[in-house]
Amino acid sequence: MRENIVYKKQFIVIRCPRCGKWTYAKSAQKTRLCSKCQKRFKIDPVQVIYVESHKKARLLVQLKNAENQKETKDKEG
């Protein structure tokens, strides 16, 4: 019989309020330093995406930043 495995959401994916760059952090963190604009911001638990692993967090950040880059190019050109 298989047991249900409960994964703890250990990582969060968040967006910098100043520049809009997506990044990730451990779910216990209260603040994050943006690697693009160097702004330290408080993490709002309502505005985050919870994921199980750093690999999933990294992949989601890459996808979100690619979407933002595409949207920016579409607006400019």
PDB file of N, CA and C in Angstrom:
ATOM      1  N   MET A   1       0.832  -1.176   0.000  1.00  0.00           N
ATOM      2  CA  MET A   1       0.000   0.000   0.000  1.00  0.00           C
ATOM      3  C   MET A   1       0.884   1.250   0.000  1.00  0.00           C
ATOM      4  N   ARG A   2       0.546   2.185  -0.856  1.00  0.00           N
ATOM      5  CA  ARG A   2       1.322   3.420  -0.948  1.00  0.00           C
ATOM      6  C   ARG A   2       0.860   4.422   0.100  1.00  0.00           C
ATOM      7  N   GLU A   3       1.820   5.056   0.709  1.00  0.00           N
ATOM      8  CA  GLU A   3       1.496   6.113   1.659  1.00  0.00           C
ATOM      9  C   GLU A   3       1.512   7.445   0.931  1.00  0.00           C
ATOM     10  N   ASN A   4       0.648   8.322   1.347  1.00  0.00           N
ATOM     11  CA  ASN A   4       0.661   9.659   0.763  1.00  0.00           C
ATOM     12  C   ASN A   4       1.871  10.408   1.289  1.00  0.00           C
ATOM     13  N   ILE A   5       2.645  10.933   0.376  1.00  0.00           N
ATOM     14  CA  ILE A   5       3.827  11.690   0.753  1.00  0.00           C
ATOM     15  C   ILE A   5       3.461  13.166   0.731  1.00  0.00           C
ATOM     16  N   VAL A   6       3.710  13.828   1.827  1.00  0.00           N
ATOM     17  CA  VAL A   6       3.423  15.255   1.921  1.00  0.00           C
ATOM     18  C   VAL A   6       4.744  15.997   1.792  1.00  0.00           C
ATOM     19  N   TYR A   7       4.839  16.822   0.765  1.00  0.00           N
ATOM     20  CA  TYR A   7       6.043  17.612   0.560  1.00  0.00           C
ATOM     21  C   TYR A   7       5.872  18.971   1.204  1.00  0.00           C
ATOM     22  N   LYS A   8       6.873  19.365   1.923  1.00  0.00           N
ATOM     23  CA  LYS A   8       6.858  20.693   2.514  1.00  0.00           C
ATOM     24  C   LYS A   8       7.296  21.687   1.442  1.00  0.00           C
ATOM     25  N   LYS A   9       6.572  22.749   1.331  1.00  0.00           N
ATOM     26  CA  LYS A   9       6.918  23.783   0.355  1.00  0.00           C
ATOM     27  C   LYS A   9       8.095  24.569   0.920  1.00  0.00           C
ATOM     28  N   GLN A  10       9.293  24.201   0.510  1.00  0.00           N
ATOM     29  CA  GLN A  10      10.496  24.743   1.116  1.00  0.00           C
ATOM     30  C   GLN A  10      11.017  26.011   0.448  1.00  0.00           C
ATOM     31  N   PHE A  11      10.574  26.278  -0.765  1.00  0.00           N
ATOM     32  CA  PHE A  11      11.083  27.444  -1.489  1.00  0.00           C
ATOM     33  C   PHE A  11       9.927  28.294  -1.990  1.00  0.00           C
ATOM     34  N   ILE A  12      10.217  29.581  -2.169  1.00  0.00           N
ATOM     35  CA  ILE A  12       9.224  30.502  -2.703  1.00  0.00           C
ATOM     36  C   ILE A  12       9.813  31.235  -3.901  1.00  0.00           C
ATOM     37  N   VAL A  13       8.957  31.544  -4.838  1.00  0.00           N
ATOM     38  CA  VAL A  13       9.338  32.332  -6.008  1.00  0.00           C
ATOM     39  C   VAL A  13       8.656  33.683  -5.844  1.00  0.00           C
ATOM     40  N   ILE A  14       9.454  34.740  -5.927  1.00  0.00           N
ATOM     41  CA  ILE A  14       8.964  36.091  -5.663  1.00  0.00           C
ATOM     42  C   ILE A  14       9.465  37.062  -6.722  1.00  0.00           C
ATOM     43  N   ARG A  15       8.796  38.210  -6.782  1.00  0.00           N
ATOM     44  CA  ARG A  15       9.155  39.237  -7.763  1.00  0.00           C
ATOM     45  C   ARG A  15       9.595  40.503  -7.039  1.00  0.00           C
ATOM     46  N   CYS A  16      10.682  41.081  -7.498  1.00  0.00           N
ATOM     47  CA  CYS A  16      11.183  42.321  -6.900  1.00  0.00           C
ATOM     48  C   CYS A  16      10.177  43.439  -7.168  1.00  0.00           C
ATOM     49  N   PRO A  17       9.772  44.160  -6.128  1.00  0.00           N
ATOM     50  CA  PRO A  17       8.796  45.234  -6.336  1.00  0.00           C
ATOM     51  C   PRO A  17       9.367  46.444  -7.080  1.00  0.00           C
ATOM     52  N   ARG A  18      10.691  46.583  -7.114  1.00  0.00           N
ATOM     53  CA  ARG A  18      11.289  47.733  -7.793  1.00  0.00           C
ATOM     54  C   ARG A  18      11.503  47.468  -9.283  1.00  0.00           C
ATOM     55  N   CYS A  19      12.212  46.401  -9.618  1.00  0.00           N
ATOM     56  CA  CYS A  19      12.583  46.185 -11.025  1.00  0.00           C
ATOM     57  C   CYS A  19      11.765  45.089 -11.713  1.00  0.00           C
ATOM     58  N   GLY A  20      11.062  44.258 -10.945  1.00  0.00           N
ATOM     59  CA  GLY A  20      10.219  43.231 -11.536  1.00  0.00           C
ATOM     60  C   GLY A  20      10.907  41.910 -11.820  1.00  0.00           C
ATOM     61  N   LYS A  21      12.188  41.786 -11.473  1.00  0.00           N
ATOM     62  CA  LYS A  21      12.905  40.534 -11.713  1.00  0.00           C
ATOM     63  C   LYS A  21      12.411  39.462 -10.741  1.00  0.00           C
ATOM     64  N   TRP A  22      12.202  38.256 -11.259  1.00  0.00           N
ATOM     65  CA  TRP A  22      11.788  37.129 -10.428  1.00  0.00           C
ATOM     66  C   TRP A  22      13.016  36.474  -9.818  1.00  0.00           C
ATOM     67  N   THR A  23      12.865  35.989  -8.597  1.00  0.00           N
ATOM     68  CA  THR A  23      13.936  35.293  -7.897  1.00  0.00           C
ATOM     69  C   THR A  23      13.310  34.287  -6.942  1.00  0.00           C
ATOM     70  N   TYR A  24      14.138  33.509  -6.268  1.00  0.00           N
ATOM     71  CA  TYR A  24      13.592  32.565  -5.300  1.00  0.00           C
ATOM     72  C   TYR A  24      14.391  32.592  -4.010  1.00  0.00           C
ATOM     73  N   ALA A  25      13.768  32.057  -2.963  1.00  0.00           N
ATOM     74  CA  ALA A  25      14.389  32.031  -1.642  1.00  0.00           C
ATOM     75  C   ALA A  25      13.795  30.877  -0.847  1.00  0.00           C
ATOM     76  N   LYS A  26      14.410  30.568   0.265  1.00  0.00           N
ATOM     77  CA  LYS A  26      13.823  29.581   1.168  1.00  0.00           C
ATOM     78  C   LYS A  26      12.562  30.182   1.774  1.00  0.00           C
ATOM     79  N   SER A  27      11.591  29.343   2.027  1.00  0.00           N
ATOM     80  CA  SER A  27      10.293  29.842   2.480  1.00  0.00           C
ATOM     81  C   SER A  27      10.349  30.500   3.859  1.00  0.00           C
ATOM     82  N   ALA A  28      11.375  30.235   4.638  1.00  0.00           N
ATOM     83  CA  ALA A  28      11.486  30.839   5.967  1.00  0.00           C
ATOM     84  C   ALA A  28      12.045  32.262   5.931  1.00  0.00           C
ATOM     85  N   GLN A  29      12.599  32.675   4.796  1.00  0.00           N
ATOM     86  CA  GLN A  29      13.187  34.012   4.701  1.00  0.00           C
ATOM     87  C   GLN A  29      12.125  35.092   4.801  1.00  0.00           C
ATOM     88  N   LYS A  30      12.490  36.185   5.454  1.00  0.00           N
ATOM     89  CA  LYS A  30      11.570  37.310   5.605  1.00  0.00           C
ATOM     90  C   LYS A  30      11.901  38.452   4.647  1.00  0.00           C
ATOM     91  N   THR A  31      13.166  38.518   4.196  1.00  0.00           N
ATOM     92  CA  THR A  31      13.575  39.541   3.238  1.00  0.00           C
ATOM     93  C   THR A  31      14.418  38.901   2.150  1.00  0.00           C
ATOM     94  N   ARG A  32      14.576  39.645   1.049  1.00  0.00           N
ATOM     95  CA  ARG A  32      15.378  39.155  -0.079  1.00  0.00           C
ATOM     96  C   ARG A  32      16.077  40.343  -0.716  1.00  0.00           C
ATOM     97  N   LEU A  33      17.313  40.145  -1.143  1.00  0.00           N
ATOM     98  CA  LEU A  33      18.072  41.165  -1.851  1.00  0.00           C
ATOM     99  C   LEU A  33      17.998  40.855  -3.340  1.00  0.00           C
ATOM    100  N   CYS A  34      17.507  41.806  -4.115  1.00  0.00           N
ATOM    101  CA  CYS A  34      17.397  41.607  -5.557  1.00  0.00           C
ATOM    102  C   CYS A  34      18.789  41.631  -6.181  1.00  0.00           C
ATOM    103  N   SER A  35      19.071  40.652  -7.010  1.00  0.00           N
ATOM    104  CA  SER A  35      20.391  40.569  -7.638  1.00  0.00           C
ATOM    105  C   SER A  35      20.539  41.550  -8.799  1.00  0.00           C
ATOM    106  N   LYS A  36      19.428  42.111  -9.265  1.00  0.00           N
ATOM    107  CA  LYS A  36      19.494  43.049 -10.382  1.00  0.00           C
ATOM    108  C   LYS A  36      19.617  44.501  -9.908  1.00  0.00           C
ATOM    109  N   CYS A  37      18.710  44.932  -9.031  1.00  0.00           N
ATOM    110  CA  CYS A  37      18.697  46.344  -8.623  1.00  0.00           C
ATOM    111  C   CYS A  37      19.238  46.577  -7.213  1.00  0.00           C
ATOM    112  N   GLN A  38      19.600  45.516  -6.520  1.00  0.00           N
ATOM    113  CA  GLN A  38      20.192  45.577  -5.180  1.00  0.00           C
ATOM    114  C   GLN A  38      19.247  46.117  -4.104  1.00  0.00           C
ATOM    115  N   LYS A  39      17.951  46.075  -4.341  1.00  0.00           N
ATOM    116  CA  LYS A  39      16.986  46.507  -3.327  1.00  0.00           C
ATOM    117  C   LYS A  39      16.674  45.338  -2.402  1.00  0.00           C
ATOM    118  N   ARG A  40      16.711  45.590  -1.100  1.00  0.00           N
ATOM    119  CA  ARG A  40      16.276  44.590  -0.129  1.00  0.00           C
ATOM    120  C   ARG A  40      14.795  44.851   0.132  1.00  0.00           C
ATOM    121  N   PHE A  41      13.987  43.802   0.013  1.00  0.00           N
ATOM    122  CA  PHE A  41      12.554  43.970   0.206  1.00  0.00           C
ATOM    123  C   PHE A  41      11.991  42.872   1.093  1.00  0.00           C
ATOM    124  N   LYS A  42      10.913  43.210   1.790  1.00  0.00           N
ATOM    125  CA  LYS A  42      10.226  42.235   2.632  1.00  0.00           C
ATOM    126  C   LYS A  42       9.445  41.286   1.739  1.00  0.00           C
ATOM    127  N   ILE A  43       9.417  40.036   2.140  1.00  0.00           N
ATOM    128  CA  ILE A  43       8.681  39.026   1.386  1.00  0.00           C
ATOM    129  C   ILE A  43       7.256  38.979   1.918  1.00  0.00           C
ATOM    130  N   ASP A  44       6.310  39.257   1.045  1.00  0.00           N
ATOM    131  CA  ASP A  44       4.893  39.200   1.392  1.00  0.00           C
ATOM    132  C   ASP A  44       4.403  37.781   1.122  1.00  0.00           C
ATOM    133  N   PRO A  45       4.022  37.034   2.151  1.00  0.00           N
ATOM    134  CA  PRO A  45       3.626  35.632   1.943  1.00  0.00           C
ATOM    135  C   PRO A  45       2.398  35.458   1.052  1.00  0.00           C
ATOM    136  N   VAL A  46       1.651  36.517   0.837  1.00  0.00           N
ATOM    137  CA  VAL A  46       0.476  36.432  -0.030  1.00  0.00           C
ATOM    138  C   VAL A  46       0.884  36.482  -1.503  1.00  0.00           C
ATOM    139  N   GLN A  47       1.991  37.148  -1.799  1.00  0.00           N
ATOM    140  CA  GLN A  47       2.402  37.363  -3.184  1.00  0.00           C
ATOM    141  C   GLN A  47       3.551  36.455  -3.609  1.00  0.00           C
ATOM    142  N   VAL A  48       3.553  35.223  -3.154  1.00  0.00           N
ATOM    143  CA  VAL A  48       4.623  34.293  -3.513  1.00  0.00           C
ATOM    144  C   VAL A  48       4.035  33.031  -4.126  1.00  0.00           C
ATOM    145  N   ILE A  49       4.889  32.297  -4.807  1.00  0.00           N
ATOM    146  CA  ILE A  49       4.527  30.989  -5.349  1.00  0.00           C
ATOM    147  C   ILE A  49       5.369  29.971  -4.584  1.00  0.00           C
ATOM    148  N   TYR A  50       4.719  29.017  -3.948  1.00  0.00           N
ATOM    149  CA  TYR A  50       5.427  28.008  -3.166  1.00  0.00           C
ATOM    150  C   TYR A  50       5.762  26.801  -4.039  1.00  0.00           C
ATOM    151  N   VAL A  51       6.997  26.299  -3.911  1.00  0.00           N
ATOM    152  CA  VAL A  51       7.433  25.105  -4.642  1.00  0.00           C
ATOM    153  C   VAL A  51       8.205  24.185  -3.701  1.00  0.00           C
ATOM    154  N   GLU A  52       8.354  22.929  -4.116  1.00  0.00           N
ATOM    155  CA  GLU A  52       8.955  21.914  -3.254  1.00  0.00           C
ATOM    156  C   GLU A  52      10.479  21.919  -3.239  1.00  0.00           C
ATOM    157  N   SER A  53      11.105  22.302  -4.343  1.00  0.00           N
ATOM    158  CA  SER A  53      12.561  22.160  -4.417  1.00  0.00           C
ATOM    159  C   SER A  53      13.201  23.371  -5.076  1.00  0.00           C
ATOM    160  N   HIS A  54      14.513  23.495  -4.855  1.00  0.00           N
ATOM    161  CA  HIS A  54      15.220  24.616  -5.480  1.00  0.00           C
ATOM    162  C   HIS A  54      15.285  24.455  -6.993  1.00  0.00           C
ATOM    163  N   LYS A  55      15.266  23.227  -7.481  1.00  0.00           N
ATOM    164  CA  LYS A  55      15.289  23.006  -8.932  1.00  0.00           C
ATOM    165  C   LYS A  55      14.012  23.531  -9.576  1.00  0.00           C
ATOM    166  N   LYS A  56      12.872  23.244  -8.950  1.00  0.00           N
ATOM    167  CA  LYS A  56      11.604  23.750  -9.480  1.00  0.00           C
ATOM    168  C   LYS A  56      11.541  25.269  -9.362  1.00  0.00           C
ATOM    169  N   ALA A  57      12.068  25.793  -8.271  1.00  0.00           N
ATOM    170  CA  ALA A  57      12.082  27.246  -8.078  1.00  0.00           C
ATOM    171  C   ALA A  57      12.935  27.912  -9.154  1.00  0.00           C
ATOM    172  N   ARG A  58      14.112  27.352  -9.407  1.00  0.00           N
ATOM    173  CA  ARG A  58      15.013  27.921 -10.417  1.00  0.00           C
ATOM    174  C   ARG A  58      14.374  27.887 -11.802  1.00  0.00           C
ATOM    175  N   LEU A  59      13.726  26.787 -12.132  1.00  0.00           N
ATOM    176  CA  LEU A  59      13.068  26.663 -13.432  1.00  0.00           C
ATOM    177  C   LEU A  59      11.925  27.671 -13.564  1.00  0.00           C
ATOM    178  N   LEU A  60      11.140  27.813 -12.524  1.00  0.00           N
ATOM    179  CA  LEU A  60      10.028  28.757 -12.562  1.00  0.00           C
ATOM    180  C   LEU A  60      10.531  30.196 -12.690  1.00  0.00           C
ATOM    181  N   VAL A  61      11.615  30.522 -12.007  1.00  0.00           N
ATOM    182  CA  VAL A  61      12.210  31.860 -12.111  1.00  0.00           C
ATOM    183  C   VAL A  61      12.668  32.114 -13.549  1.00  0.00           C
ATOM    184  N   GLN A  62      13.306  31.130 -14.162  1.00  0.00           N
ATOM    185  CA  GLN A  62      13.756  31.284 -15.548  1.00  0.00           C
ATOM    186  C   GLN A  62      12.569  31.528 -16.480  1.00  0.00           C
ATOM    187  N   LEU A  63      11.495  30.773 -16.288  1.00  0.00           N
ATOM    188  CA  LEU A  63      10.310  30.939 -17.136  1.00  0.00           C
ATOM    189  C   LEU A  63       9.662  32.308 -16.937  1.00  0.00           C
ATOM    190  N   LYS A  64       9.519  32.720 -15.685  1.00  0.00           N
ATOM    191  CA  LYS A  64       8.895  34.011 -15.390  1.00  0.00           C
ATOM    192  C   LYS A  64       9.725  35.171 -15.940  1.00  0.00           C
ATOM    193  N   ASN A  65      11.046  35.106 -15.790  1.00  0.00           N
ATOM    194  CA  ASN A  65      11.897  36.176 -16.304  1.00  0.00           C
ATOM    195  C   ASN A  65      11.894  36.201 -17.829  1.00  0.00           C
ATOM    196  N   ALA A  66      11.798  35.040 -18.462  1.00  0.00           N
ATOM    197  CA  ALA A  66      11.703  34.993 -19.925  1.00  0.00           C
ATOM    198  C   ALA A  66      10.387  35.618 -20.394  1.00  0.00           C
ATOM    199  N   GLU A  67       9.300  35.354 -19.674  1.00  0.00           N
ATOM    200  CA  GLU A  67       8.007  35.969 -20.003  1.00  0.00           C
ATOM    201  C   GLU A  67       8.092  37.487 -19.895  1.00  0.00           C
ATOM    202  N   ASN A  68       8.711  37.968 -18.825  1.00  0.00           N
ATOM    203  CA  ASN A  68       8.855  39.416 -18.633  1.00  0.00           C
ATOM    204  C   ASN A  68       9.677  40.040 -19.747  1.00  0.00           C
ATOM    205  N   GLN A  69      10.738  39.358 -20.135  1.00  0.00           N
ATOM    206  CA  GLN A  69      11.601  39.877 -21.191  1.00  0.00           C
ATOM    207  C   GLN A  69      10.829  39.958 -22.509  1.00  0.00           C
ATOM    208  N   LYS A  70      10.023  38.949 -22.789  1.00  0.00           N
ATOM    209  CA  LYS A  70       9.228  38.936 -24.013  1.00  0.00           C
ATOM    210  C   LYS A  70       8.187  40.057 -23.990  1.00  0.00           C
ATOM    211  N   GLU A  71       7.521  40.243 -22.847  1.00  0.00           N
ATOM    212  CA  GLU A  71       6.523  41.305 -22.723  1.00  0.00           C
ATOM    213  C   GLU A  71       7.160  42.678 -22.919  1.00  0.00           C
ATOM    214  N   THR A  72       8.349  42.862 -22.378  1.00  0.00           N
ATOM    215  CA  THR A  72       9.051  44.136 -22.515  1.00  0.00           C
ATOM    216  C   THR A  72       9.404  44.403 -23.973  1.00  0.00           C
ATOM    217  N   LYS A  73       9.876  43.378 -24.676  1.00  0.00           N
ATOM    218  CA  LYS A  73      10.214  43.533 -26.093  1.00  0.00           C
ATOM    219  C   LYS A  73       8.973  43.844 -26.919  1.00  0.00           C
ATOM    220  N   ASP A  74       7.853  43.181 -26.595  1.00  0.00           N
ATOM    221  CA  ASP A  74       6.611  43.421 -27.329  1.00  0.00           C
ATOM    222  C   ASP A  74       6.120  44.855 -27.140  1.00  0.00           C
ATOM    223  N   LYS A  75       6.283  45.398 -25.949  1.00  0.00           N
ATOM    224  CA  LYS A  75       5.855  46.771 -25.678  1.00  0.00           C
ATOM    225  C   LYS A  75       6.742  47.786 -26.393  1.00  0.00           C
ATOM    226  N   GLU A  76       8.041  47.490 -26.472  1.00  0.00           N
ATOM    227  CA  GLU A  76       8.988  48.415 -27.095  1.00  0.00           C
ATOM    228  C   GLU A  76       8.898  48.390 -28.619  1.00  0.00           C
ATOM    229  N   GLY A  77       8.678  47.240 -29.166  1.00  0.00           N
ATOM    230  CA  GLY A  77       8.760  47.137 -30.616  1.00  0.00           C
ATOM    231  C   GLY A  77       7.520  46.697 -31.206  1.00  0.00           C
TER     232      GLY A  77
END
